[in-house]
Amino acid sequence: MILRLPTQDNGIFKKIKQLSKQHPELQVLEMDALPVLTIRALEIDVSRRRVFYGRQEVTLTPKEYALLFLLVANAGKVLTYQKLYEAVWPDDSLGNEINAVSCHIYGLRKKFHRISPKLSFTIRCVREVGFRFEDAEEK
């Protein structure tokens, strides 16, 4: 798995790089060729840290943005609660990763459903494992 990150010095991306050191299967590259991730109506402008659904901008917290970025970058793959938690909360060792990740995913879903009740993607919960980003058209 490869994540392409902007060359800007951003705290969330530093944390993702730290996670990549702990998990060798996660490879992080500096971003030159991939300034925007697009899956149907969802668009993530990584270099500007902006998210759009359709033509409407979605305002996300830094943690929501990091979770969405990780899920989209790994579309179709299940990311465990632990991996998501370590990527977004690396300095926090509360041991409550399921609740923290689930609450922020709920917030993400809620923000997108305010824009459109019928989305072109789903953030699916894989019970007792984690979450998977799915394109609604590829079911």
Protein backbone atom coordinates (compact mmCIF):
# COMPACT_ATOMS: atom_id res chain seq x y z
CA MET A 1 0.00 0.00 0.00
CA ILE A 2 1.30 3.44 -0.91
CA LEU A 3 0.19 6.79 0.48
CA ARG A 4 1.22 9.92 -1.35
CA LEU A 5 1.54 12.93 0.93
CA PRO A 6 2.01 16.62 0.29
CA THR A 7 5.45 18.05 0.88
CA GLN A 8 3.98 20.62 3.28
CA ASP A 9 4.93 20.16 6.91
CA ASN A 10 1.57 19.22 8.44
CA GLY A 11 1.09 17.57 11.85
CA ILE A 12 -1.35 14.91 10.66
CA PHE A 13 0.93 13.85 7.84
CA LYS A 14 3.85 13.64 10.29
CA LYS A 15 1.74 11.27 12.36
CA ILE A 16 0.92 9.18 9.30
CA LYS A 17 4.64 8.98 8.51
CA GLN A 18 5.30 7.84 12.09
CA LEU A 19 2.70 5.11 11.63
CA SER A 20 4.41 3.98 8.42
CA LYS A 21 7.57 3.34 10.42
CA GLN A 22 5.64 1.10 12.81
CA HIS A 23 3.87 -0.76 9.97
CA PRO A 24 6.21 -1.70 7.11
CA GLU A 25 3.32 -2.48 4.74
CA LEU A 26 2.44 1.23 4.74
CA GLN A 27 4.72 3.11 2.36
CA VAL A 28 4.66 6.91 2.33
CA LEU A 29 5.89 8.94 -0.63
CA GLU A 30 6.19 12.68 -1.06
CA MET A 31 3.39 13.88 -3.26
CA ASP A 32 4.01 15.38 -6.64
CA ALA A 33 1.78 13.38 -8.96
CA LEU A 34 -1.40 13.11 -6.89
CA PRO A 35 -2.67 16.48 -5.68
CA VAL A 36 -6.34 15.41 -5.74
CA LEU A 37 -7.96 12.08 -4.83
CA THR A 38 -11.28 11.67 -6.66
CA ILE A 39 -13.85 8.91 -6.31
CA ARG A 40 -17.01 9.85 -8.18
CA ALA A 41 -18.47 12.95 -6.44
CA LEU A 42 -15.91 12.89 -3.61
CA GLU A 43 -12.80 14.98 -4.14
CA ILE A 44 -9.93 15.39 -1.68
CA ASP A 45 -7.48 18.16 -2.53
CA VAL A 46 -4.57 16.86 -0.48
CA SER A 47 -2.20 19.77 -1.01
CA ARG A 48 -4.81 22.28 0.20
CA ARG A 49 -6.46 19.96 2.75
CA ARG A 50 -9.92 20.60 1.31
CA VAL A 51 -12.73 18.10 0.72
CA PHE A 52 -15.62 18.48 -1.71
CA TYR A 53 -18.69 16.37 -2.34
CA GLY A 54 -20.23 17.32 -5.63
CA ARG A 55 -19.39 20.98 -5.78
CA GLN A 56 -19.96 21.64 -2.10
CA GLU A 57 -17.04 21.93 0.30
CA VAL A 58 -17.19 19.70 3.38
CA THR A 59 -15.60 21.21 6.48
CA LEU A 60 -13.80 18.50 8.45
CA THR A 61 -11.83 18.51 11.67
CA PRO A 62 -8.16 17.50 11.33
CA LYS A 63 -8.92 14.04 12.74
CA GLU A 64 -11.92 13.52 10.43
CA TYR A 65 -9.77 14.59 7.48
CA ALA A 66 -6.99 12.18 8.45
CA LEU A 67 -9.47 9.29 8.80
CA LEU A 68 -11.13 10.06 5.46
CA PHE A 69 -7.77 10.37 3.72
CA LEU A 70 -6.58 7.02 5.08
CA LEU A 71 -9.83 5.27 4.15
CA VAL A 72 -9.94 6.71 0.62
CA ALA A 73 -6.24 6.00 0.03
CA ASN A 74 -7.00 2.38 0.98
CA ALA A 75 -10.40 2.11 -0.72
CA GLY A 76 -11.78 -1.43 -0.63
CA LYS A 77 -9.45 -2.54 2.16
CA VAL A 78 -10.41 -2.95 5.79
CA LEU A 79 -8.40 -0.71 8.11
CA THR A 80 -8.50 -1.93 11.69
CA TYR A 81 -9.57 0.28 14.56
CA GLN A 82 -6.05 0.00 15.93
CA LYS A 83 -4.31 1.13 12.72
CA LEU A 84 -6.70 4.05 12.28
CA TYR A 85 -6.31 5.04 15.92
CA GLU A 86 -2.51 4.86 15.81
CA ALA A 87 -2.44 6.98 12.64
CA VAL A 88 -4.68 9.72 13.99
CA TRP A 89 -3.96 9.60 17.73
CA PRO A 90 -0.33 8.35 17.90
CA ASP A 91 0.49 10.04 21.21
CA ASP A 92 -2.70 8.93 22.91
CA SER A 93 -2.68 5.56 24.65
CA LEU A 94 -6.13 5.54 26.23
CA GLY A 95 -6.85 2.10 24.82
CA ASN A 96 -10.29 3.21 23.69
CA GLU A 97 -9.60 3.11 19.97
CA ILE A 98 -12.93 1.57 18.96
CA ASN A 99 -14.96 4.35 20.55
CA ALA A 100 -12.70 7.19 19.36
CA VAL A 101 -12.57 5.97 15.76
CA SER A 102 -16.29 5.11 15.65
CA CYS A 103 -17.32 8.54 16.98
CA HIS A 104 -15.23 10.34 14.37
CA ILE A 105 -16.50 8.09 11.56
CA TYR A 106 -20.05 8.87 12.72
CA GLY A 107 -19.21 12.59 12.46
CA LEU A 108 -17.83 12.09 8.94
CA ARG A 109 -20.93 10.22 7.80
CA LYS A 110 -23.21 12.86 9.32
CA LYS A 111 -21.43 15.72 7.53
CA PHE A 112 -21.67 13.99 4.15
CA HIS A 113 -25.31 12.96 4.65
CA ARG A 114 -26.23 16.61 5.32
CA ILE A 115 -25.07 17.35 1.79
CA SER A 116 -26.64 14.32 0.13
CA PRO A 117 -28.66 11.50 1.68
CA LYS A 118 -27.66 9.21 -1.22
CA LEU A 119 -23.87 9.16 -1.39
CA SER A 120 -21.62 7.72 -4.09
CA PHE A 121 -19.58 5.99 -1.38
CA THR A 122 -20.00 4.16 1.90
CA ILE A 123 -17.79 3.95 4.95
CA ARG A 124 -18.70 0.43 5.98
CA CYS A 125 -18.17 -0.93 9.47
CA VAL A 126 -16.64 -4.39 9.54
CA ARG A 127 -17.87 -5.61 12.88
CA GLU A 128 -15.19 -5.94 15.56
CA VAL A 129 -12.44 -5.25 12.99
CA GLY A 130 -12.57 -1.71 11.60
CA PHE A 131 -13.82 0.26 8.60
CA ARG A 132 -13.68 0.02 4.81
CA PHE A 133 -14.27 2.77 2.23
CA GLU A 134 -16.44 1.48 -0.63
CA ASP A 135 -17.47 3.03 -3.91
CA ALA A 136 -21.26 2.60 -4.09
CA GLU A 137 -21.03 1.72 -7.81
CA GLU A 138 -18.61 -1.19 -7.25
CA LYS A 139 -20.84 -3.38 -5.08
